[in-house]
Every structure is written in C-alpha cells, then in structure tokens.
Amino acid sequence: MKVLLPWLAVLAVVLLLDALHLGVLATAVAVTWLVYCVWTWVRPRKSNRAG
C-alpha cells in the first residue's frame, strides 16, 4: 500500500483541481507526474562496478 501512496496523492490532487474547475492546472500536474515517472523509468542507472 505504501508504494501506491504517491499515485493516490497525485490522483486526489488532479481530481480536486478538476472539481474546482482548474482543468488546465490538473492537466499540468498529471503531465508533470507522467514525465517524472517516465524519467525515473528510462534514465540510465549509475554503475557502481569497479573495473
């Protein structure tokens, strides 16, 4: 459940902003979260191998 907390928090923020008729801001939050997730998934991992 702990892994889902950031996803649920972002979902709650997006739904709240949409309910407040701030659709542009909700879209910006959702797209930013998506870019962050993709970035953390595809970025090259640092190699700690010696030699």
Protein backbone atom coordinates (compact mmCIF):
# COMPACT_ATOMS: atom_id res chain seq x y z
CA MET A 1 0.00 0.00 0.00
CA LYS A 2 2.91 2.33 0.75
CA VAL A 3 4.00 2.16 -2.90
CA LEU A 4 0.59 3.40 -4.06
CA LEU A 5 0.51 6.49 -1.82
CA PRO A 6 2.25 8.88 -4.27
CA TRP A 7 -0.04 7.70 -7.09
CA LEU A 8 -3.13 8.12 -4.94
CA ALA A 9 -1.99 11.55 -3.78
CA VAL A 10 -1.47 12.75 -7.35
CA LEU A 11 -4.83 11.30 -8.37
CA ALA A 12 -6.53 13.09 -5.47
CA VAL A 13 -4.87 16.40 -6.38
CA VAL A 14 -5.86 16.05 -10.05
CA LEU A 15 -9.46 15.19 -9.14
CA LEU A 16 -9.63 18.08 -6.66
CA LEU A 17 -8.29 20.56 -9.20
CA ASP A 18 -10.72 19.27 -11.79
CA ALA A 19 -13.61 19.60 -9.34
CA LEU A 20 -12.55 23.21 -8.72
CA HIS A 21 -12.71 23.80 -12.50
CA LEU A 22 -8.95 24.17 -12.74
CA GLY A 23 -8.62 21.69 -15.58
CA VAL A 24 -5.51 23.28 -17.05
CA LEU A 25 -3.70 23.03 -13.73
CA ALA A 26 -4.95 19.47 -13.24
CA THR A 27 -3.62 18.57 -16.68
CA ALA A 28 -0.28 20.19 -15.88
CA VAL A 29 0.03 18.18 -12.66
CA ALA A 30 -0.89 14.93 -14.43
CA VAL A 31 1.54 15.52 -17.30
CA THR A 32 4.32 16.50 -14.90
CA TRP A 33 3.75 13.31 -12.89
CA LEU A 34 3.79 11.24 -16.08
CA VAL A 35 7.05 12.83 -17.24
CA TYR A 36 8.59 12.23 -13.82
CA CYS A 37 7.56 8.57 -13.87
CA VAL A 38 8.88 8.03 -17.38
CA TRP A 39 12.12 9.81 -16.50
CA THR A 40 12.72 7.64 -13.43
CA TRP A 41 11.99 4.55 -15.52
CA VAL A 42 14.21 5.24 -18.54
CA ARG A 43 17.10 7.20 -17.08
CA PRO A 44 20.39 5.32 -17.15
CA ARG A 45 21.35 3.64 -13.92
CA LYS A 46 24.68 4.53 -12.38
CA SER A 47 27.01 1.59 -12.44
CA ASN A 48 28.91 1.02 -9.21
CA ARG A 49 31.12 -1.71 -10.59
CA ALA A 50 34.84 -1.27 -10.01
CA GLY A 51 36.87 -2.09 -13.09
